């Protein structure tokens, strides 16, 4: 996918036979710089607080000059 293309939280309902109904959330990324990036981060972190399980997908390419590392608060949300 292309970085910066998810602006709002997308929600999909799914049911796992052994678990039951679940919601999958696709949130904006955490590493977009600037004021808009901060708004997107806040949306993603707000959703993360209500989740039982979080799958954090990271780009493993070397950081670019635009790279924004997670703040200590954000790292604590994900126990990193």
N, C-alpha and C. Protein backbone atom coordinates (compact mmCIF):
# COMPACT_ATOMS: atom_id res chain seq x y z
N UNK A 1 0.83 -1.19 0.00
CA UNK A 1 0.00 0.00 0.00
C UNK A 1 0.87 1.25 0.00
N UNK A 2 0.25 2.37 -0.27
CA UNK A 2 0.97 3.63 -0.34
C UNK A 2 0.85 4.37 0.98
N UNK A 3 1.98 4.78 1.53
CA UNK A 3 1.98 5.51 2.80
C UNK A 3 1.17 6.78 2.68
N UNK A 4 0.42 7.08 3.75
CA UNK A 4 -0.34 8.32 3.80
C UNK A 4 -1.70 8.28 3.13
N UNK A 5 -2.13 7.11 2.65
CA UNK A 5 -3.41 7.06 1.94
C UNK A 5 -4.60 6.77 2.84
N UNK A 6 -4.37 6.27 4.05
CA UNK A 6 -5.47 6.03 4.99
C UNK A 6 -5.60 7.23 5.91
N UNK A 7 -6.69 7.94 5.78
CA UNK A 7 -6.89 9.13 6.62
C UNK A 7 -7.87 8.86 7.76
N UNK A 8 -8.85 8.02 7.51
CA UNK A 8 -9.86 7.69 8.52
C UNK A 8 -9.78 6.21 8.85
N UNK A 9 -10.29 5.86 10.01
CA UNK A 9 -10.31 4.47 10.44
C UNK A 9 -11.34 3.70 9.62
N UNK A 10 -10.91 2.59 9.04
CA UNK A 10 -11.81 1.70 8.30
C UNK A 10 -12.12 0.51 9.20
N UNK A 11 -13.38 0.09 9.25
CA UNK A 11 -13.80 -1.00 10.13
C UNK A 11 -14.46 -2.09 9.29
N UNK A 12 -14.06 -3.34 9.55
CA UNK A 12 -14.67 -4.49 8.89
C UNK A 12 -15.10 -5.48 9.96
N UNK A 13 -16.31 -6.00 9.83
CA UNK A 13 -16.81 -7.01 10.77
C UNK A 13 -16.51 -8.40 10.20
N UNK A 14 -16.08 -9.29 11.07
CA UNK A 14 -15.74 -10.65 10.67
C UNK A 14 -16.09 -11.57 11.84
N UNK A 15 -16.37 -12.82 11.52
CA UNK A 15 -16.64 -13.78 12.60
C UNK A 15 -15.70 -14.97 12.46
N UNK A 16 -14.99 -15.26 13.54
CA UNK A 16 -14.14 -16.43 13.62
C UNK A 16 -14.91 -17.50 14.37
N UNK A 17 -14.93 -18.72 13.85
CA UNK A 17 -15.73 -19.79 14.44
C UNK A 17 -15.39 -20.04 15.90
N UNK A 18 -14.13 -20.05 16.26
CA UNK A 18 -13.76 -20.37 17.64
C UNK A 18 -13.75 -19.14 18.57
N UNK A 19 -13.84 -17.94 17.99
CA UNK A 19 -13.77 -16.71 18.80
C UNK A 19 -15.11 -16.00 18.85
N UNK A 20 -15.78 -15.93 17.71
CA UNK A 20 -17.02 -15.20 17.61
C UNK A 20 -16.84 -13.94 16.78
N UNK A 21 -17.77 -12.99 16.89
CA UNK A 21 -17.69 -11.79 16.07
C UNK A 21 -16.52 -10.90 16.50
N UNK A 22 -15.87 -10.33 15.50
CA UNK A 22 -14.73 -9.44 15.74
C UNK A 22 -14.83 -8.24 14.80
N UNK A 23 -14.14 -7.19 15.17
CA UNK A 23 -14.01 -6.03 14.30
C UNK A 23 -12.53 -5.86 13.96
N UNK A 24 -12.25 -5.64 12.68
CA UNK A 24 -10.90 -5.34 12.23
C UNK A 24 -10.85 -3.86 11.90
N UNK A 25 -9.83 -3.18 12.41
CA UNK A 25 -9.67 -1.75 12.18
C UNK A 25 -8.42 -1.52 11.34
N UNK A 26 -8.57 -0.77 10.27
CA UNK A 26 -7.42 -0.31 9.49
C UNK A 26 -7.28 1.17 9.82
N UNK A 27 -6.19 1.51 10.46
CA UNK A 27 -6.02 2.89 10.93
C UNK A 27 -4.94 3.60 10.12
N UNK A 28 -4.93 4.93 10.19
CA UNK A 28 -3.82 5.66 9.59
C UNK A 28 -2.52 5.26 10.25
N UNK A 29 -1.42 5.45 9.55
CA UNK A 29 -0.10 5.13 10.09
C UNK A 29 0.30 6.07 11.22
N UNK A 30 1.36 5.71 11.91
CA UNK A 30 1.84 6.50 13.04
C UNK A 30 3.03 7.38 12.69
N UNK A 31 3.55 7.25 11.47
CA UNK A 31 4.82 7.90 11.17
C UNK A 31 4.74 9.06 10.19
N UNK A 32 3.54 9.53 9.87
CA UNK A 32 3.43 10.65 8.94
C UNK A 32 3.76 11.95 9.67
N UNK A 33 4.66 12.76 9.13
CA UNK A 33 5.03 14.01 9.80
C UNK A 33 3.98 15.10 9.62
N UNK A 34 4.11 16.15 10.40
CA UNK A 34 3.27 17.32 10.24
C UNK A 34 1.99 17.29 11.05
N UNK A 35 1.23 18.37 10.92
CA UNK A 35 -0.02 18.52 11.67
C UNK A 35 -1.05 17.47 11.27
N UNK A 36 -1.17 17.20 9.96
CA UNK A 36 -2.11 16.18 9.50
C UNK A 36 -1.68 14.81 10.02
N UNK A 37 -0.39 14.54 10.01
CA UNK A 37 0.12 13.27 10.54
C UNK A 37 -0.21 13.11 12.01
N UNK A 38 -0.14 14.20 12.76
CA UNK A 38 -0.47 14.15 14.19
C UNK A 38 -1.94 13.82 14.39
N UNK A 39 -2.80 14.40 13.57
CA UNK A 39 -4.24 14.10 13.66
C UNK A 39 -4.50 12.62 13.34
N UNK A 40 -3.82 12.11 12.32
CA UNK A 40 -3.97 10.69 11.96
C UNK A 40 -3.46 9.79 13.07
N UNK A 41 -2.32 10.13 13.67
CA UNK A 41 -1.77 9.36 14.79
C UNK A 41 -2.76 9.32 15.94
N UNK A 42 -3.35 10.47 16.26
CA UNK A 42 -4.31 10.52 17.36
C UNK A 42 -5.51 9.61 17.10
N UNK A 43 -6.00 9.57 15.86
CA UNK A 43 -7.10 8.66 15.51
C UNK A 43 -6.69 7.21 15.73
N UNK A 44 -5.51 6.87 15.23
CA UNK A 44 -5.03 5.48 15.35
C UNK A 44 -4.84 5.09 16.81
N UNK A 45 -4.26 5.95 17.60
CA UNK A 45 -4.00 5.65 19.01
C UNK A 45 -5.29 5.58 19.81
N UNK A 46 -6.28 6.39 19.45
CA UNK A 46 -7.58 6.33 20.12
C UNK A 46 -8.22 4.95 19.91
N UNK A 47 -8.18 4.45 18.69
CA UNK A 47 -8.72 3.13 18.39
C UNK A 47 -7.91 2.06 19.11
N UNK A 48 -6.59 2.20 19.13
CA UNK A 48 -5.72 1.19 19.75
C UNK A 48 -6.05 0.97 21.22
N UNK A 49 -6.46 2.02 21.90
CA UNK A 49 -6.78 1.91 23.33
C UNK A 49 -7.96 0.97 23.59
N UNK A 50 -8.83 0.80 22.61
CA UNK A 50 -10.02 -0.03 22.81
C UNK A 50 -9.85 -1.46 22.28
N UNK A 51 -8.68 -1.79 21.78
CA UNK A 51 -8.46 -3.11 21.17
C UNK A 51 -7.93 -4.12 22.17
N UNK A 52 -8.33 -5.37 21.97
CA UNK A 52 -7.79 -6.48 22.76
C UNK A 52 -6.48 -7.00 22.16
N UNK A 53 -6.38 -6.98 20.84
CA UNK A 53 -5.18 -7.44 20.14
C UNK A 53 -4.83 -6.39 19.08
N UNK A 54 -3.54 -6.08 18.97
CA UNK A 54 -3.07 -5.12 17.97
C UNK A 54 -2.02 -5.79 17.11
N UNK A 55 -2.20 -5.71 15.80
CA UNK A 55 -1.19 -6.16 14.85
C UNK A 55 -0.55 -4.91 14.29
N UNK A 56 0.68 -4.67 14.67
CA UNK A 56 1.40 -3.49 14.22
C UNK A 56 2.24 -3.87 13.02
N UNK A 57 1.96 -3.26 11.87
CA UNK A 57 2.69 -3.54 10.64
C UNK A 57 3.68 -2.40 10.43
N UNK A 58 4.94 -2.76 10.27
CA UNK A 58 5.99 -1.75 10.13
C UNK A 58 6.72 -1.92 8.81
N UNK A 59 7.18 -0.82 8.27
CA UNK A 59 8.04 -0.83 7.11
C UNK A 59 9.46 -1.09 7.61
N UNK A 60 10.11 -2.13 7.10
CA UNK A 60 11.45 -2.46 7.58
C UNK A 60 12.55 -1.81 6.76
N UNK A 61 12.18 -0.97 5.81
CA UNK A 61 13.19 -0.25 5.02
C UNK A 61 13.90 0.75 5.93
N UNK A 62 15.14 1.11 5.59
CA UNK A 62 15.86 2.10 6.40
C UNK A 62 15.05 3.39 6.51
N UNK A 63 15.11 4.06 7.66
CA UNK A 63 14.35 5.30 7.84
C UNK A 63 14.75 6.37 6.82
N UNK A 64 13.77 7.12 6.38
CA UNK A 64 14.03 8.24 5.48
C UNK A 64 14.10 9.52 6.31
N UNK A 65 14.48 10.63 5.70
CA UNK A 65 14.49 11.90 6.45
C UNK A 65 13.11 12.27 6.99
N UNK A 66 12.05 11.72 6.40
CA UNK A 66 10.69 12.01 6.85
C UNK A 66 10.28 11.12 8.02
N UNK A 67 11.13 10.15 8.38
CA UNK A 67 10.79 9.17 9.42
C UNK A 67 10.50 9.86 10.74
N UNK A 68 9.40 9.47 11.35
CA UNK A 68 9.00 9.98 12.66
C UNK A 68 8.97 8.80 13.62
N UNK A 69 9.92 8.65 14.52
CA UNK A 69 9.87 7.52 15.45
C UNK A 69 8.69 7.66 16.41
N UNK A 70 8.29 6.55 16.99
CA UNK A 70 7.22 6.58 17.98
C UNK A 70 7.68 7.30 19.23
N UNK A 71 6.80 8.06 19.82
CA UNK A 71 7.11 8.73 21.08
C UNK A 71 7.13 7.70 22.20
N UNK A 72 7.71 8.01 23.36
CA UNK A 72 7.67 7.07 24.48
C UNK A 72 6.23 6.66 24.84
N UNK A 73 5.29 7.60 24.77
CA UNK A 73 3.88 7.29 25.06
C UNK A 73 3.35 6.27 24.05
N UNK A 74 3.61 6.50 22.76
CA UNK A 74 3.14 5.59 21.73
C UNK A 74 3.78 4.21 21.89
N UNK A 75 5.07 4.18 22.23
CA UNK A 75 5.75 2.91 22.45
C UNK A 75 5.11 2.16 23.62
N UNK A 76 4.70 2.89 24.67
CA UNK A 76 4.10 2.23 25.82
C UNK A 76 2.75 1.61 25.46
N UNK A 77 2.02 2.21 24.52
CA UNK A 77 0.74 1.64 24.10
C UNK A 77 0.93 0.26 23.49
N UNK A 78 2.04 0.09 22.80
CA UNK A 78 2.31 -1.17 22.10
C UNK A 78 3.31 -2.03 22.85
N UNK A 79 3.68 -1.65 24.06
CA UNK A 79 4.65 -2.40 24.86
C UNK A 79 5.94 -2.65 24.10
N UNK A 80 6.44 -1.63 23.41
CA UNK A 80 7.69 -1.77 22.64
C UNK A 80 8.87 -1.31 23.47
